[in-house]
Amino acid sequence: MVRFKSRYLLCEVCVPDRSSLQLLEDRTIYNTLRAAVNRAHGDYGSALFNIGVIVKYLNAHTGVVLIRSRKKHYRLIWSALSFITCLENRGQKVQCFLNCLHVGGTIRTCQKFLVKYNRQQLHRMLPDCKTDAEKQEVRRAILSCSLSNVREEEAGEDGSDDDGDKET
């Protein structure tokens, strides 16, 4: 059995109106990315895209997208991100662009980067706060940025993978 190595592109969907992020679905991003790869790289790019590209994670509240591709061809997918100018879902077009924040070898490294990135964003927000209540809320959010919740979820998933069937 052969193990295929993957690369994960951690991207941020940048839109002028944050409320339009609620319209996004992973299927929409997948289809738009496929069309962009086809436009930029033709049949060759389209064939490589169909082999091993998957949208693994989409957070419609924050606009964070995690895209998995084969290690050998991740640059092709990365280069096509700049050709995406709008996403169409349910008949509505959302003007946007995708900003690639990080390229990692595992989902775990992307999670670690995302925690660090979110903490930096919160530190940048702190000077812009006008009231003490806003500052306290941002400070509380900074302190809550950790991977402990992720570790607890992984531990819970590891224990629930058992089928109950035991080989003897």
C-alpha atoms as a PDB file:
ATOM      1  CA  MET A   1       0.000   0.000   0.000  1.00  0.00           C
ATOM      2  CA  VAL A   2       1.326   3.402  -1.001  1.00  0.00           C
ATOM      3  CA  ARG A   3       0.922   6.498   1.114  1.00  0.00           C
ATOM      4  CA  PHE A   4       0.237   9.675  -0.803  1.00  0.00           C
ATOM      5  CA  LYS A   5       1.804  12.739   0.734  1.00  0.00           C
ATOM      6  CA  SER A   6      -0.384  15.809   0.893  1.00  0.00           C
ATOM      7  CA  ARG A   7      -0.060  19.520   1.368  1.00  0.00           C
ATOM      8  CA  TYR A   8      -2.693  21.616   3.075  1.00  0.00           C
ATOM      9  CA  LEU A   9      -3.354  25.166   1.946  1.00  0.00           C
ATOM     10  CA  LEU A  10      -4.801  27.275   4.748  1.00  0.00           C
ATOM     11  CA  CYS A  11      -6.656  30.131   3.075  1.00  0.00           C
ATOM     12  CA  GLU A  12      -8.735  33.061   4.172  1.00  0.00           C
ATOM     13  CA  VAL A  13     -11.742  34.205   2.142  1.00  0.00           C
ATOM     14  CA  CYS A  14     -11.570  37.999   2.060  1.00  0.00           C
ATOM     15  CA  VAL A  15     -14.894  39.709   1.357  1.00  0.00           C
ATOM     16  CA  PRO A  16     -16.008  43.343   1.663  1.00  0.00           C
ATOM     17  CA  ASP A  17     -19.147  42.393   3.626  1.00  0.00           C
ATOM     18  CA  ARG A  18     -18.552  39.830   6.417  1.00  0.00           C
ATOM     19  CA  SER A  19     -22.222  38.807   6.477  1.00  0.00           C
ATOM     20  CA  SER A  20     -21.878  37.315   2.986  1.00  0.00           C
ATOM     21  CA  LEU A  21     -19.561  34.636   4.411  1.00  0.00           C
ATOM     22  CA  GLN A  22     -22.644  32.817   5.711  1.00  0.00           C
ATOM     23  CA  LEU A  23     -23.543  31.948   2.109  1.00  0.00           C
ATOM     24  CA  LEU A  24     -20.386  29.907   1.575  1.00  0.00           C
ATOM     25  CA  GLU A  25     -20.273  26.137   1.331  1.00  0.00           C
ATOM     26  CA  ASP A  26     -17.319  23.840   0.744  1.00  0.00           C
ATOM     27  CA  ARG A  27     -18.894  22.607  -2.497  1.00  0.00           C
ATOM     28  CA  THR A  28     -19.004  26.191  -3.800  1.00  0.00           C
ATOM     29  CA  ILE A  29     -15.330  26.763  -3.087  1.00  0.00           C
ATOM     30  CA  TYR A  30     -14.428  23.394  -4.615  1.00  0.00           C
ATOM     31  CA  ASN A  31     -16.294  24.127  -7.868  1.00  0.00           C
ATOM     32  CA  THR A  32     -14.920  27.662  -8.117  1.00  0.00           C
ATOM     33  CA  LEU A  33     -11.383  26.439  -7.495  1.00  0.00           C
ATOM     34  CA  ARG A  34     -11.796  23.713 -10.119  1.00  0.00           C
ATOM     35  CA  ALA A  35     -12.944  26.300 -12.676  1.00  0.00           C
ATOM     36  CA  ALA A  36      -9.996  28.577 -11.804  1.00  0.00           C
ATOM     37  CA  VAL A  37      -7.503  25.714 -12.208  1.00  0.00           C
ATOM     38  CA  ASN A  38      -9.096  24.781 -15.525  1.00  0.00           C
ATOM     39  CA  ARG A  39      -8.856  28.399 -16.774  1.00  0.00           C
ATOM     40  CA  ALA A  40      -5.268  28.846 -15.621  1.00  0.00           C
ATOM     41  CA  HIS A  41      -3.763  25.444 -16.445  1.00  0.00           C
ATOM     42  CA  GLY A  42      -6.119  23.832 -18.944  1.00  0.00           C
ATOM     43  CA  ASP A  43      -6.775  20.103 -19.209  1.00  0.00           C
ATOM     44  CA  TYR A  44      -3.541  19.181 -17.432  1.00  0.00           C
ATOM     45  CA  GLY A  45      -4.476  21.238 -14.374  1.00  0.00           C
ATOM     46  CA  SER A  46      -8.033  19.954 -14.436  1.00  0.00           C
ATOM     47  CA  ALA A  47      -6.845  16.345 -14.457  1.00  0.00           C
ATOM     48  CA  LEU A  48      -4.470  16.935 -11.540  1.00  0.00           C
ATOM     49  CA  PHE A  49      -7.220  18.734  -9.658  1.00  0.00           C
ATOM     50  CA  ASN A  50      -9.602  15.793 -10.031  1.00  0.00           C
ATOM     51  CA  ILE A  51      -6.991  13.365  -8.698  1.00  0.00           C
ATOM     52  CA  GLY A  52      -6.447  14.664  -5.225  1.00  0.00           C
ATOM     53  CA  VAL A  53      -7.918  18.027  -4.265  1.00  0.00           C
ATOM     54  CA  ILE A  54     -10.462  18.258  -1.458  1.00  0.00           C
ATOM     55  CA  VAL A  55     -11.833  21.117   0.616  1.00  0.00           C
ATOM     56  CA  LYS A  56     -11.276  19.602   4.065  1.00  0.00           C
ATOM     57  CA  TYR A  57     -12.601  22.424   6.231  1.00  0.00           C
ATOM     58  CA  LEU A  58     -14.597  25.613   5.850  1.00  0.00           C
ATOM     59  CA  ASN A  59     -15.569  27.950   8.651  1.00  0.00           C
ATOM     60  CA  ALA A  60     -18.279  30.221   7.299  1.00  0.00           C
ATOM     61  CA  HIS A  61     -18.031  32.539  10.326  1.00  0.00           C
ATOM     62  CA  THR A  62     -14.325  33.318  10.019  1.00  0.00           C
ATOM     63  CA  GLY A  63     -13.825  32.609   6.310  1.00  0.00           C
ATOM     64  CA  VAL A  64     -11.052  30.063   6.881  1.00  0.00           C
ATOM     65  CA  VAL A  65     -10.682  27.290   4.293  1.00  0.00           C
ATOM     66  CA  LEU A  66      -8.396  24.257   4.397  1.00  0.00           C
ATOM     67  CA  ILE A  67      -7.660  22.680   1.008  1.00  0.00           C
ATOM     68  CA  ARG A  68      -5.813  19.367   0.649  1.00  0.00           C
ATOM     69  CA  SER A  69      -3.867  18.529  -2.495  1.00  0.00           C
ATOM     70  CA  ARG A  70      -1.122  16.159  -3.503  1.00  0.00           C
ATOM     71  CA  LYS A  71       2.353  17.268  -2.460  1.00  0.00           C
ATOM     72  CA  LYS A  72       3.675  17.191  -5.997  1.00  0.00           C
ATOM     73  CA  HIS A  73       1.004  19.519  -7.391  1.00  0.00           C
ATOM     74  CA  TYR A  74       0.120  21.939  -4.587  1.00  0.00           C
ATOM     75  CA  ARG A  75       1.825  24.872  -6.323  1.00  0.00           C
ATOM     76  CA  LEU A  76      -0.523  24.475  -9.272  1.00  0.00           C
ATOM     77  CA  ILE A  77      -3.540  24.818  -6.952  1.00  0.00           C
ATOM     78  CA  TRP A  78      -1.880  27.689  -5.098  1.00  0.00           C
ATOM     79  CA  SER A  79      -1.273  29.615  -8.324  1.00  0.00           C
ATOM     80  CA  ALA A  80      -4.930  29.274  -9.345  1.00  0.00           C
ATOM     81  CA  LEU A  81      -6.144  30.921  -6.108  1.00  0.00           C
ATOM     82  CA  SER A  82      -5.319  34.354  -7.505  1.00  0.00           C
ATOM     83  CA  PHE A  83      -7.806  33.831 -10.369  1.00  0.00           C
ATOM     84  CA  ILE A  84     -10.775  33.556  -8.016  1.00  0.00           C
ATOM     85  CA  THR A  85     -12.618  36.870  -7.845  1.00  0.00           C
ATOM     86  CA  CYS A  86     -16.118  35.783  -6.841  1.00  0.00           C
ATOM     87  CA  LEU A  87     -17.954  32.782  -5.444  1.00  0.00           C
ATOM     88  CA  GLU A  88     -21.442  31.905  -6.621  1.00  0.00           C
ATOM     89  CA  ASN A  89     -23.816  30.045  -4.330  1.00  0.00           C
ATOM     90  CA  ARG A  90     -27.591  29.696  -4.586  1.00  0.00           C
ATOM     91  CA  GLY A  91     -27.735  32.232  -7.393  1.00  0.00           C
ATOM     92  CA  GLN A  92     -25.902  34.915  -5.412  1.00  0.00           C
ATOM     93  CA  LYS A  93     -22.425  36.112  -6.328  1.00  0.00           C
ATOM     94  CA  VAL A  94     -20.052  37.070  -3.538  1.00  0.00           C
ATOM     95  CA  GLN A  95     -17.101  39.250  -4.551  1.00  0.00           C
ATOM     96  CA  CYS A  96     -13.995  37.933  -2.814  1.00  0.00           C
ATOM     97  CA  PHE A  97     -10.447  36.719  -3.098  1.00  0.00           C
ATOM     98  CA  LEU A  98      -8.605  33.909  -1.372  1.00  0.00           C
ATOM     99  CA  ASN A  99      -5.505  34.771   0.636  1.00  0.00           C
ATOM    100  CA  CYS A 100      -3.231  31.795   1.292  1.00  0.00           C
ATOM    101  CA  LEU A 101      -2.046  32.115   4.890  1.00  0.00           C
ATOM    102  CA  HIS A 102      -0.014  28.935   5.287  1.00  0.00           C
ATOM    103  CA  VAL A 103       1.045  25.773   3.469  1.00  0.00           C
ATOM    104  CA  GLY A 104       1.537  22.792   5.757  1.00  0.00           C
ATOM    105  CA  GLY A 105       2.210  19.093   5.599  1.00  0.00           C
ATOM    106  CA  THR A 106      -0.438  18.144   8.160  1.00  0.00           C
ATOM    107  CA  ILE A 107      -3.722  19.485   9.432  1.00  0.00           C
ATOM    108  CA  ARG A 108      -2.104  19.785  12.848  1.00  0.00           C
ATOM    109  CA  THR A 109       0.553  22.259  11.655  1.00  0.00           C
ATOM    110  CA  CYS A 110      -2.160  24.311   9.975  1.00  0.00           C
ATOM    111  CA  GLN A 111      -4.126  24.369  13.233  1.00  0.00           C
ATOM    112  CA  LYS A 112      -1.070  25.538  15.158  1.00  0.00           C
ATOM    113  CA  PHE A 113      -0.440  28.281  12.626  1.00  0.00           C
ATOM    114  CA  LEU A 114      -4.091  29.346  12.729  1.00  0.00           C
ATOM    115  CA  VAL A 115      -4.002  29.715  16.517  1.00  0.00           C
ATOM    116  CA  LYS A 116      -0.847  31.832  16.263  1.00  0.00           C
ATOM    117  CA  TYR A 117      -2.344  33.892  13.422  1.00  0.00           C
ATOM    118  CA  ASN A 118      -5.583  34.513  15.317  1.00  0.00           C
ATOM    119  CA  ARG A 119      -3.627  35.608  18.384  1.00  0.00           C
ATOM    120  CA  GLN A 120      -1.668  38.100  16.244  1.00  0.00           C
ATOM    121  CA  GLN A 121      -4.901  39.432  14.756  1.00  0.00           C
ATOM    122  CA  LEU A 122      -6.345  39.928  18.244  1.00  0.00           C
ATOM    123  CA  HIS A 123      -3.198  41.781  19.353  1.00  0.00           C
ATOM    124  CA  ARG A 124      -3.624  44.065  16.333  1.00  0.00           C
ATOM    125  CA  MET A 125      -7.243  44.719  17.328  1.00  0.00           C
ATOM    126  CA  LEU A 126      -6.354  45.703  20.901  1.00  0.00           C
ATOM    127  CA  PRO A 127      -5.101  49.260  20.155  1.00  0.00           C
ATOM    128  CA  ASP A 128      -8.235  49.977  18.070  1.00  0.00           C
ATOM    129  CA  CYS A 129     -10.596  49.268  20.973  1.00  0.00           C
ATOM    130  CA  LYS A 130     -12.359  52.366  22.240  1.00  0.00           C
ATOM    131  CA  THR A 131     -13.878  51.254  25.522  1.00  0.00           C
ATOM    132  CA  ASP A 132     -12.496  49.268  28.434  1.00  0.00           C
ATOM    133  CA  ALA A 133     -15.164  46.603  27.913  1.00  0.00           C
ATOM    134  CA  GLU A 134     -13.964  46.017  24.352  1.00  0.00           C
ATOM    135  CA  LYS A 135     -10.365  45.788  25.549  1.00  0.00           C
ATOM    136  CA  GLN A 136     -11.314  43.261  28.221  1.00  0.00           C
ATOM    137  CA  GLU A 137     -13.190  41.161  25.662  1.00  0.00           C
ATOM    138  CA  VAL A 138     -10.207  41.126  23.282  1.00  0.00           C
ATOM    139  CA  ARG A 139      -7.814  40.257  26.139  1.00  0.00           C
ATOM    140  CA  ARG A 140     -10.091  37.374  27.168  1.00  0.00           C
ATOM    141  CA  ALA A 141     -10.127  36.145  23.559  1.00  0.00           C
ATOM    142  CA  ILE A 142      -6.324  36.313  23.425  1.00  0.00           C
ATOM    143  CA  LEU A 143      -6.028  34.222  26.583  1.00  0.00           C
ATOM    144  CA  SER A 144      -8.490  31.647  25.259  1.00  0.00           C
ATOM    145  CA  CYS A 145      -6.429  31.020  22.095  1.00  0.00           C
ATOM    146  CA  SER A 146      -4.919  27.591  22.622  1.00  0.00           C
ATOM    147  CA  LEU A 147      -4.907  24.102  21.181  1.00  0.00           C
ATOM    148  CA  SER A 148      -6.156  22.480  24.386  1.00  0.00           C
ATOM    149  CA  ASN A 149      -9.691  22.248  22.995  1.00  0.00           C
ATOM    150  CA  VAL A 150      -8.346  20.641  19.832  1.00  0.00           C
ATOM    151  CA  ARG A 151      -6.351  18.112  21.876  1.00  0.00           C
ATOM    152  CA  GLU A 152      -9.443  17.187  23.897  1.00  0.00           C
ATOM    153  CA  GLU A 153     -11.462  16.651  20.704  1.00  0.00           C
ATOM    154  CA  GLU A 154      -8.712  14.463  19.219  1.00  0.00           C
ATOM    155  CA  ALA A 155      -8.576  12.381  22.402  1.00  0.00           C
ATOM    156  CA  GLY A 156     -12.347  11.937  22.268  1.00  0.00           C
ATOM    157  CA  GLU A 157     -12.208  10.869  18.614  1.00  0.00           C
ATOM    158  CA  ASP A 158      -9.401   8.366  19.246  1.00  0.00           C
ATOM    159  CA  GLY A 159     -11.471   6.611  21.894  1.00  0.00           C
ATOM    160  CA  SER A 160     -14.617   6.486  19.756  1.00  0.00           C
ATOM    161  CA  ASP A 161     -12.997   4.780  16.739  1.00  0.00           C
ATOM    162  CA  ASP A 162     -13.452   1.326  18.212  1.00  0.00           C
ATOM    163  CA  ASP A 163     -16.058  -0.790  16.453  1.00  0.00           C
ATOM    164  CA  GLY A 164     -16.501  -3.154  19.328  1.00  0.00           C
ATOM    165  CA  ASP A 165     -15.196  -6.023  17.163  1.00  0.00           C
ATOM    166  CA  LYS A 166     -12.139  -7.680  18.620  1.00  0.00           C
ATOM    167  CA  GLU A 167      -9.849  -9.999  16.751  1.00  0.00           C
ATOM    168  CA  THR A 168      -8.544 -12.991  18.634  1.00  0.00           C
END
